[in-house]
Protein backbone atom coordinates (compact mmCIF):
# COMPACT_ATOMS: atom_id res chain seq x y z
CA UNK A 1 40.10 30.84 13.72
CA UNK A 2 39.42 28.47 10.83
CA UNK A 3 36.27 26.39 10.36
CA UNK A 4 38.12 23.27 11.09
CA UNK A 5 40.23 24.71 14.16
CA UNK A 6 38.69 21.91 16.49
CA UNK A 7 40.58 19.09 14.73
CA UNK A 8 44.00 20.85 14.60
CA UNK A 9 46.25 21.34 17.49
CA UNK A 10 47.58 24.60 16.18
CA UNK A 11 46.84 27.36 13.77
CA UNK A 12 47.44 27.00 9.86
CA UNK A 13 50.88 27.98 8.47
CA UNK A 14 50.93 31.22 6.66
CA UNK A 15 52.05 29.84 3.30
CA UNK A 16 49.37 27.25 3.43
CA UNK A 17 46.59 30.11 3.99
CA UNK A 18 48.28 32.24 1.10
CA UNK A 19 48.17 29.32 -1.33
CA UNK A 20 44.64 27.89 -0.64
CA UNK A 21 42.62 31.09 -0.09
CA UNK A 22 40.18 32.37 -2.75
CA UNK A 23 39.05 35.74 -1.16
CA UNK A 24 41.07 37.62 -3.65
CA UNK A 25 38.79 36.63 -6.55
CA UNK A 26 35.46 35.13 -5.13
CA UNK A 27 33.93 38.19 -3.65
CA UNK A 28 31.84 38.65 -6.50
CA UNK A 29 29.83 35.69 -5.22
CA UNK A 30 28.71 37.57 -1.95
CA UNK A 31 25.27 38.39 -3.13
CA UNK A 32 24.62 34.82 -4.09
CA UNK A 33 26.22 33.34 -0.75
CA UNK A 34 23.72 35.50 1.27
CA UNK A 35 20.72 34.66 -0.99
CA UNK A 36 21.64 30.94 -0.50
CA UNK A 37 22.23 31.25 3.13
CA UNK A 38 18.81 32.82 3.82
CA UNK A 39 17.19 30.16 1.85
CA UNK A 40 19.25 27.56 3.86
CA UNK A 41 18.02 29.21 7.27
CA UNK A 42 14.50 29.10 6.01
CA UNK A 43 14.90 25.49 5.28
CA UNK A 44 16.16 24.71 8.80
CA UNK A 45 13.02 26.48 10.11
CA UNK A 46 10.76 24.45 7.83
CA UNK A 47 12.54 21.15 9.12
CA UNK A 48 12.04 22.37 12.82
CA UNK A 49 15.88 22.41 13.27
CA UNK A 50 15.80 26.34 14.06
CA UNK A 51 13.09 28.05 16.16
CA UNK A 52 11.38 31.21 14.75
CA UNK A 53 13.21 33.52 16.79
CA UNK A 54 16.60 32.18 15.55
CA UNK A 55 15.55 32.26 12.06
CA UNK A 56 14.83 35.90 12.37
CA UNK A 57 18.19 36.78 14.06
CA UNK A 58 20.12 35.06 11.36
CA UNK A 59 18.15 36.43 8.42
CA UNK A 60 18.63 40.02 9.97
CA UNK A 61 22.14 39.43 10.43
CA UNK A 62 22.64 38.07 6.85
CA UNK A 63 20.74 41.27 5.72
CA UNK A 64 22.92 43.61 7.54
CA UNK A 65 25.88 41.84 6.00
CA UNK A 66 24.47 42.42 2.64
CA UNK A 67 24.14 46.14 3.41
CA UNK A 68 27.62 46.31 4.57
CA UNK A 69 28.75 44.85 1.42
CA UNK A 70 26.74 46.92 -0.80
CA UNK A 71 27.89 50.01 1.13
CA UNK A 72 31.55 48.93 0.78
CA UNK A 73 31.89 48.90 4.56
CA UNK A 74 32.23 45.20 5.02
CA UNK A 75 35.87 44.63 6.31
CA UNK A 76 37.89 41.45 5.54
CA UNK A 77 40.25 40.07 8.09
CA UNK A 78 43.36 37.85 7.76
CA UNK A 79 41.68 34.46 8.66
CA UNK A 80 38.83 35.01 5.82
CA UNK A 81 39.80 32.13 3.56
CA UNK A 82 37.06 32.93 1.15
CA UNK A 83 33.99 35.01 0.85
CA UNK A 84 31.79 32.23 2.33
CA UNK A 85 33.78 31.98 5.66
CA UNK A 86 33.90 35.89 5.76
CA UNK A 87 30.10 36.08 5.62
CA UNK A 88 29.59 33.39 8.21
CA UNK A 89 32.24 35.15 10.42
CA UNK A 90 30.65 38.40 10.44
CA UNK A 91 27.05 36.85 10.85
CA UNK A 92 28.45 35.28 14.12
CA UNK A 93 29.87 38.61 15.27
CA UNK A 94 26.55 40.22 14.66
CA UNK A 95 24.28 37.45 16.08
CA UNK A 96 26.47 35.80 18.62
CA UNK A 97 25.89 32.20 19.58
CA UNK A 98 23.10 32.02 17.14
CA UNK A 99 25.22 32.86 14.25
CA UNK A 100 27.12 29.65 15.04
CA UNK A 101 24.08 27.72 13.82
CA UNK A 102 24.07 29.18 10.31
CA UNK A 103 26.20 26.29 8.86
CA UNK A 104 23.99 23.55 10.47
CA UNK A 105 23.35 20.73 7.99
CA UNK A 106 25.64 22.44 5.47
CA UNK A 107 28.95 22.00 4.04
CA UNK A 108 31.10 24.37 2.05
CA UNK A 109 30.81 21.70 -0.50
CA UNK A 110 27.19 22.13 -1.18
CA UNK A 111 27.04 25.86 -0.40
CA UNK A 112 29.71 26.85 -2.80
CA UNK A 113 28.34 24.62 -5.53
CA UNK A 114 24.87 26.12 -4.86
CA UNK A 115 26.25 29.66 -4.80
CA UNK A 116 28.24 29.05 -8.11
CA UNK A 117 25.09 27.81 -9.94
CA UNK A 118 23.07 30.87 -8.73
CA UNK A 119 25.84 33.02 -10.09
CA UNK A 120 26.22 31.11 -13.58
CA UNK A 121 22.58 31.08 -13.90
CA UNK A 122 22.55 34.81 -13.74
CA UNK A 123 25.56 35.57 -15.90
CA UNK A 124 24.30 33.24 -18.56
CA UNK A 125 21.21 35.44 -18.91
CA UNK A 126 23.49 38.52 -18.80
CA UNK A 127 25.72 37.39 -21.66
CA UNK A 128 22.68 36.26 -23.60
CA UNK A 129 21.49 39.84 -23.40
CA UNK A 130 24.78 41.20 -24.61
CA UNK A 131 24.57 38.79 -27.61
CA UNK A 132 21.04 40.04 -28.47
CA UNK A 133 22.40 43.69 -28.24
CA UNK A 134 25.06 42.87 -30.86
CA UNK A 135 22.68 40.82 -32.96
CA UNK A 136 20.29 43.71 -32.93
CA UNK A 137 23.20 46.10 -33.97
CA UNK A 138 23.78 43.70 -37.00
CA UNK A 139 20.23 43.68 -37.96
CA UNK A 140 19.97 47.48 -37.89
CA UNK A 141 23.24 47.81 -39.85
CA UNK A 142 21.73 45.21 -42.50
CA UNK A 143 18.76 47.38 -42.68
CA UNK A 144 20.88 50.37 -43.30
CA UNK A 145 22.82 48.65 -45.96
CA UNK A 146 19.82 48.19 -48.14
CA UNK A 147 21.05 47.02 -51.80
CA UNK A 148 24.68 47.56 -51.01
CA UNK A 149 26.95 44.78 -52.23
CA UNK A 150 30.19 43.65 -51.94
CA UNK A 151 32.38 40.74 -52.95
CA UNK A 152 31.87 37.46 -50.91
CA UNK A 153 35.01 35.53 -50.28
CA UNK A 154 36.23 31.98 -49.99
CA UNK A 155 40.01 31.35 -49.08
CA UNK A 156 40.10 35.19 -49.05
CA UNK A 157 39.62 35.28 -52.59
CA UNK A 158 36.89 37.18 -54.44
CA UNK A 159 34.08 34.56 -55.07
CA UNK A 160 30.63 35.96 -55.59
CA UNK A 161 28.94 39.39 -55.09
CA UNK A 162 26.64 39.26 -51.98
CA UNK A 163 24.64 41.90 -50.30
CA UNK A 164 26.31 43.65 -47.26
CA UNK A 165 23.10 42.77 -45.35
CA UNK A 166 23.74 39.13 -46.15
CA UNK A 167 27.07 39.26 -44.83
CA UNK A 168 26.26 41.19 -41.60
CA UNK A 169 23.35 38.64 -41.00
CA UNK A 170 25.57 35.72 -41.50
CA UNK A 171 27.31 36.89 -38.25
CA UNK A 172 23.84 37.30 -36.57
CA UNK A 173 22.75 33.62 -37.17
CA UNK A 174 25.91 32.42 -35.92
CA UNK A 175 25.45 34.47 -32.82
CA UNK A 176 22.04 32.85 -32.51
CA UNK A 177 23.43 29.46 -32.04
CA UNK A 178 25.45 31.00 -29.26
CA UNK A 179 22.27 32.05 -27.73
CA UNK A 180 20.70 28.34 -27.82
CA UNK A 181 23.79 26.95 -26.39
CA UNK A 182 23.85 29.34 -23.45
CA UNK A 183 20.20 28.89 -22.73
CA UNK A 184 20.60 25.09 -22.84
CA UNK A 185 23.49 25.21 -20.45
CA UNK A 186 21.42 27.58 -18.16
CA UNK A 187 18.67 25.04 -18.12
CA UNK A 188 20.95 22.20 -17.41
CA UNK A 189 22.66 23.95 -14.41
CA UNK A 190 19.23 24.89 -12.91
CA UNK A 191 19.61 22.15 -10.12
CA UNK A 192 20.22 23.05 -6.39
CA UNK A 193 22.86 21.16 -4.64
CA UNK A 194 22.08 22.50 -1.28
CA UNK A 195 21.22 19.60 1.21
CA UNK A 196 23.88 17.34 -0.24
CA UNK A 197 26.29 18.31 2.73
CA UNK A 198 30.09 17.52 2.32
CA UNK A 199 29.10 14.29 0.18
CA UNK A 200 26.58 12.15 1.61
CA UNK A 201 23.83 14.36 2.92
CA UNK A 202 22.78 14.75 6.62
CA UNK A 203 21.25 12.88 9.66
CA UNK A 204 19.11 16.13 10.14
CA UNK A 205 15.68 16.16 8.27
CA UNK A 206 16.72 19.00 5.77
CA UNK A 207 14.34 20.29 3.07
CA UNK A 208 16.36 20.47 -0.19
CA UNK A 209 13.33 20.51 -2.22
CA UNK A 210 12.00 23.50 -0.47
CA UNK A 211 15.34 25.28 -0.50
CA UNK A 212 15.51 24.75 -4.31
CA UNK A 213 11.99 26.14 -4.63
CA UNK A 214 13.07 29.32 -2.66
CA UNK A 215 16.12 29.86 -4.79
CA UNK A 216 14.08 29.58 -7.91
CA UNK A 217 15.86 26.25 -9.13
CA UNK A 218 13.92 24.04 -11.21
CA UNK A 219 14.60 20.98 -9.09
CA UNK A 220 16.91 19.50 -6.36
CA UNK A 221 19.84 17.12 -6.79
CA UNK A 222 19.32 13.34 -7.04
CA UNK A 223 22.65 12.17 -5.82
CA UNK A 224 24.76 14.03 -3.09
CA UNK A 225 28.14 12.64 -4.44
CA UNK A 226 27.39 14.04 -7.82
CA UNK A 227 25.83 17.39 -6.40
CA UNK A 228 29.02 18.57 -4.71
CA UNK A 229 31.72 17.23 -7.46
CA UNK A 230 29.77 18.34 -10.51
CA UNK A 231 31.30 21.11 -12.49
CA UNK A 232 30.15 20.07 -15.90
CA UNK A 233 28.15 23.29 -16.15
CA UNK A 234 31.36 25.52 -15.68
CA UNK A 235 32.90 23.49 -18.44
CA UNK A 236 29.71 23.93 -20.52
CA UNK A 237 29.58 27.67 -19.84
CA UNK A 238 33.47 27.96 -20.72
CA UNK A 239 32.73 26.10 -24.06
CA UNK A 240 29.81 28.33 -24.83
CA UNK A 241 31.90 31.40 -24.18
CA UNK A 242 34.87 29.99 -26.00
CA UNK A 243 32.89 29.41 -29.31
CA UNK A 244 31.13 32.82 -28.88
CA UNK A 245 34.71 34.25 -28.62
CA UNK A 246 35.48 32.54 -31.86
CA UNK A 247 32.53 34.07 -33.42
CA UNK A 248 33.34 37.57 -32.08
CA UNK A 249 36.85 36.92 -33.42
CA UNK A 250 35.63 36.34 -36.76
CA UNK A 251 33.73 39.57 -36.79
CA UNK A 252 36.89 41.29 -35.49
CA UNK A 253 39.08 39.70 -38.15
CA UNK A 254 36.66 41.05 -40.84
CA UNK A 255 36.76 44.63 -39.51
CA UNK A 256 40.32 44.39 -39.49
CA UNK A 257 40.68 43.39 -42.95
CA UNK A 258 37.80 45.57 -44.50
CA UNK A 259 38.92 48.78 -42.58
CA UNK A 260 42.59 48.44 -44.03
CA UNK A 261 43.49 50.60 -46.95
CA UNK A 262 44.15 47.58 -49.07
CA UNK A 263 40.35 46.93 -49.00
CA UNK A 264 38.77 50.16 -47.79
CA UNK A 265 35.32 48.82 -47.22
CA UNK A 266 34.68 50.04 -43.71
CA UNK A 267 35.70 53.42 -42.06
CA UNK A 268 36.33 53.20 -38.46
CA UNK A 269 34.69 55.87 -36.21
CA UNK A 270 37.27 57.99 -34.23
CA UNK A 271 35.53 57.11 -30.81
CA UNK A 272 35.89 53.38 -31.35
CA UNK A 273 39.29 53.29 -32.83
CA UNK A 274 42.77 54.22 -31.52
CA UNK A 275 45.72 56.09 -32.80
CA UNK A 276 49.60 55.34 -32.92
CA UNK A 277 52.04 56.80 -30.32
CA UNK A 278 54.41 57.31 -33.23
CA UNK A 279 52.78 57.32 -36.60
CA UNK A 280 50.33 60.32 -36.97
CA UNK A 281 48.29 58.91 -39.77
CA UNK A 282 47.14 55.73 -38.03
CA UNK A 283 43.69 54.81 -37.08
CA UNK A 284 43.76 51.23 -35.60
CA UNK A 285 40.94 48.79 -35.08
CA UNK A 286 42.00 47.67 -31.56
CA UNK A 287 38.50 46.63 -30.50
CA UNK A 288 38.46 44.25 -33.33
CA UNK A 289 41.97 43.10 -32.71
CA UNK A 290 41.19 42.45 -28.99
CA UNK A 291 38.11 40.54 -29.80
CA UNK A 292 40.27 38.37 -32.10
CA UNK A 293 42.93 38.03 -29.58
CA UNK A 294 40.76 37.37 -26.37
CA UNK A 295 39.21 34.33 -28.36
CA UNK A 296 42.60 32.52 -27.59
CA UNK A 297 42.16 33.39 -23.96
CA UNK A 298 38.76 31.90 -23.84
CA UNK A 299 39.91 28.68 -25.34
CA UNK A 300 42.66 28.30 -22.93
CA UNK A 301 40.25 28.78 -19.95
CA UNK A 302 38.19 25.81 -21.46
CA UNK A 303 41.14 23.45 -22.05
CA UNK A 304 42.71 24.44 -18.62
CA UNK A 305 39.63 23.70 -16.51
CA UNK A 306 38.88 20.34 -18.51
CA UNK A 307 42.55 19.27 -17.61
CA UNK A 308 41.79 20.27 -13.98
CA UNK A 309 38.56 18.10 -13.94
CA UNK A 310 40.23 14.92 -15.66
CA UNK A 311 40.67 12.11 -13.24
CA UNK A 312 39.26 13.71 -10.13
CA UNK A 313 37.79 11.17 -7.68
CA UNK A 314 34.38 11.51 -6.17
CA UNK A 315 33.37 13.65 -4.40
CA UNK A 316 34.69 17.20 -3.76
CA UNK A 317 38.33 17.87 -4.05
CA UNK A 318 40.08 21.36 -3.62
CA UNK A 319 41.20 21.26 -7.30
CA UNK A 320 37.65 22.37 -8.01
CA UNK A 321 38.40 25.88 -6.45
CA UNK A 322 40.06 26.30 -9.80
CA UNK A 323 36.76 26.56 -11.50
CA UNK A 324 36.11 30.32 -10.53
CA UNK A 325 39.10 32.43 -11.94
CA UNK A 326 38.62 31.02 -15.53
CA UNK A 327 34.88 31.39 -15.33
CA UNK A 328 34.93 34.85 -13.84
CA UNK A 329 37.56 36.11 -16.42
CA UNK A 330 35.85 34.48 -19.31
CA UNK A 331 32.43 36.21 -18.25
CA UNK A 332 34.09 39.54 -17.79
CA UNK A 333 36.04 39.59 -21.28
CA UNK A 334 32.99 38.16 -23.03
CA UNK A 335 30.87 40.85 -21.39
CA UNK A 336 33.18 43.72 -22.37
CA UNK A 337 33.92 42.28 -25.94
CA UNK A 338 30.11 42.18 -26.62
CA UNK A 339 29.52 45.83 -25.46
CA UNK A 340 32.64 47.05 -27.28
CA UNK A 341 31.92 45.36 -30.55
CA UNK A 342 28.17 46.48 -30.65
CA UNK A 343 29.48 50.15 -30.37
CA UNK A 344 32.16 49.44 -33.07
CA UNK A 345 29.65 47.85 -35.38
CA UNK A 346 26.93 50.42 -34.96
CA UNK A 347 29.57 53.26 -35.72
CA UNK A 348 31.09 51.87 -38.84
CA UNK A 349 30.59 53.67 -42.18
CA UNK A 350 30.37 51.87 -45.44
CA UNK A 351 32.46 52.78 -48.30
CA UNK A 352 29.89 51.74 -50.87
CA UNK A 353 31.77 52.79 -54.09
CA UNK A 354 34.83 50.65 -52.88
CA UNK A 355 32.73 47.67 -52.14
CA UNK A 356 30.59 47.76 -55.25
CA UNK A 357 33.49 48.41 -57.54
CA UNK A 358 35.39 45.27 -56.14
CA UNK A 359 32.09 43.11 -56.58
CA UNK A 360 31.58 44.38 -60.16
CA UNK A 361 34.98 42.80 -61.30
CA UNK A 362 34.43 40.89 -64.39
CA UNK A 363 35.56 37.71 -63.01
CA UNK A 364 33.00 37.42 -60.33
CA UNK A 365 30.33 36.96 -63.19
CA UNK A 366 31.98 33.73 -63.79
CA UNK A 367 29.46 31.52 -62.07
CA UNK A 368 26.50 33.31 -63.28
CA UNK A 369 27.89 32.83 -66.78
CA UNK A 370 28.03 29.12 -66.24
CA UNK A 371 24.56 28.97 -64.73
CA UNK A 372 23.42 30.84 -67.85
CA UNK A 373 24.57 28.08 -69.89
CA UNK A 374 23.02 25.50 -67.57
CA UNK A 375 19.70 27.27 -68.09
CA UNK A 376 20.00 26.64 -71.81
CA UNK A 377 20.55 22.90 -71.32
CA UNK A 378 24.42 22.71 -71.23
CA UNK A 379 25.74 20.28 -68.58
CA UNK A 380 27.25 21.95 -65.54
CA UNK A 381 30.62 20.50 -65.92
CA UNK A 382 30.87 21.50 -69.43
CA UNK A 383 29.80 24.92 -68.73
CA UNK A 384 32.15 25.28 -65.78
CA UNK A 385 35.12 24.17 -68.20
CA UNK A 386 34.02 26.61 -70.91
CA UNK A 387 33.60 29.68 -68.62
CA UNK A 388 37.11 28.65 -66.83
CA UNK A 389 38.74 28.63 -70.27
CA UNK A 390 37.51 32.26 -71.11
CA UNK A 391 38.61 33.55 -67.67
CA UNK A 392 41.93 32.10 -68.18
CA UNK A 393 42.28 33.63 -71.60
CA UNK A 394 41.07 37.06 -70.11
CA UNK A 395 43.95 36.88 -67.67
CA UNK A 396 46.63 35.93 -70.10
CA UNK A 397 45.50 38.25 -72.91
CA UNK A 398 44.47 41.78 -73.70
CA UNK A 399 41.10 40.73 -74.23
CA UNK A 400 38.24 41.26 -71.48
CA UNK A 401 36.08 38.56 -70.15
CA UNK A 402 33.00 40.65 -71.52
CA UNK A 403 34.51 40.71 -75.00
CA UNK A 404 35.32 37.13 -74.99
CA UNK A 405 31.80 36.12 -73.95
CA UNK A 406 30.23 38.36 -76.27
CA UNK A 407 32.35 36.71 -79.35
CA UNK A 408 31.45 33.06 -77.96
CA UNK A 409 28.57 31.41 -79.74
CA UNK A 410 27.57 29.55 -76.67
CA UNK A 411 26.25 32.68 -75.26
CA UNK A 412 23.15 34.86 -76.05
CA UNK A 413 22.31 38.31 -75.46
CA UNK A 414 21.08 37.46 -71.98
CA UNK A 415 24.47 36.64 -70.94
CA UNK A 416 25.70 40.29 -71.53
CA UNK A 417 23.48 41.53 -69.05
CA UNK A 418 25.17 39.69 -66.37
CA UNK A 419 28.06 42.29 -66.68
CA UNK A 420 25.83 45.18 -65.82
CA UNK A 421 26.55 46.43 -62.24
CA UNK A 422 24.71 44.62 -59.54
CA UNK A 423 23.32 42.26 -62.11
CA UNK A 424 24.83 39.09 -60.38
CA UNK A 425 23.35 39.97 -56.94
CA UNK A 426 19.74 40.98 -58.56
CA UNK A 427 19.74 37.52 -60.21
CA UNK A 428 20.44 35.50 -57.22
CA UNK A 429 17.20 33.35 -56.82
CA UNK A 430 17.84 30.41 -54.32
CA UNK A 431 16.22 30.47 -50.95
CA UNK A 432 18.70 31.85 -48.17
CA UNK A 433 21.14 33.16 -50.61
CA UNK A 434 22.70 36.50 -51.04
CA UNK A 435 20.31 38.01 -53.58
CA UNK A 436 17.98 41.08 -53.34
CA UNK A 437 14.69 39.19 -53.36
CA UNK A 438 15.75 36.79 -50.49
CA UNK A 439 17.13 39.36 -48.08
CA UNK A 440 13.84 40.99 -47.12
CA UNK A 441 12.54 37.60 -46.01
CA UNK A 442 15.83 36.81 -44.19
CA UNK A 443 15.64 39.95 -42.32
CA UNK A 444 12.11 39.39 -41.32
CA UNK A 445 13.12 35.88 -40.12
CA UNK A 446 16.19 37.33 -38.11
CA UNK A 447 13.85 39.92 -36.47
CA UNK A 448 11.42 37.13 -35.43
CA UNK A 449 14.50 35.31 -33.98
CA UNK A 450 15.41 38.27 -31.84
CA UNK A 451 11.87 38.49 -30.41
CA UNK A 452 11.87 34.99 -29.45
CA UNK A 453 15.36 35.27 -28.00
CA UNK A 454 14.16 38.37 -25.90
CA UNK A 455 10.87 36.53 -24.86
CA UNK A 456 13.00 33.48 -23.60
CA UNK A 457 15.56 35.50 -21.72
CA UNK A 458 13.26 37.66 -19.60
């Protein structure tokens, strides 16, 4: 029997039920549905709609259903359209006629919206914890890296030497913005829709503010039409996860490149890489590649759901059932990616000699040479042109850049010191830059950020 069987002269068509059901994927909301239902029952009691003995019966029945679900003994039947109807059906089996009062003053519209917000609030916290875990790994590896340096790149061309710690923390700061976004989304979704009914509230004296308090929401809804139709928070979460996925993809891309034989900067741990079914010599960065690949999936979920929301009239429409599968998948994939990338990054070995040999390439001293001239009063554009000519000559002749600089009257002895290994990084002086003197302060600032993130996510 369906929840609307009184309106219909016969049972629903099988194909209609198959197409419209969501029980295949929404069972992960069971815990939140029971929590929301218990709060709803308590609210009916405060409003004197249910007597105390019936409140006890319903709460006990909901507790029994929760135990059955946790023990994996909860049995679904063919007419269970979604997890919400399945739970109500089982409560009624346990509580008899009193179970039929569970849905008093409530629609599946405000029920589902509430349950999804409860779920979203928890998973946002869960994902933030996963991001913090990866950030902590990046900080630990930055500390491990010490004074190791490597080429920094623009356009994937060698640009300037930077400390490896600086590069690792660059990813950490980007992830910090993801934490900020997720926390802001969590704050905005912290509104209870329960009591909005199907769309216009109820003639019963419900207690939405008391229910909101019991569920730990910061407030109740202001407009019932908006409350049941609002899925902004799902779109926001999908955006937050898509952009987080882009940042994880960037880390993955870097691991793929740096672990290749052509670069040889990173060595993959055996436990965090795969082999080839055909080529015995291979060690493949599958975690990094999947982090890169799944970012497209996250972007697709966001774009698809925004297209679903476009032009929906107020208030609830069944289209909104399409909020769950993209959100559930995005949460699952992001959670797995964060955990796997944390293990991958924690286990990497650094090939110090390859990194530093690449960073000590003479051409990477070019900007330091130009700034050396600037420190002696030469306008930057002139300095840039002069050094550019010397670099070009070193590429087209047998002369090294070092020998050309040594023979050029524009430069003094201090310019020759720039060619010493590590001198470029050691001389970096600007705040927030990639030099030795700045990295200790940056690591301290980043450690403080992690402490704030942990405190705010408790």
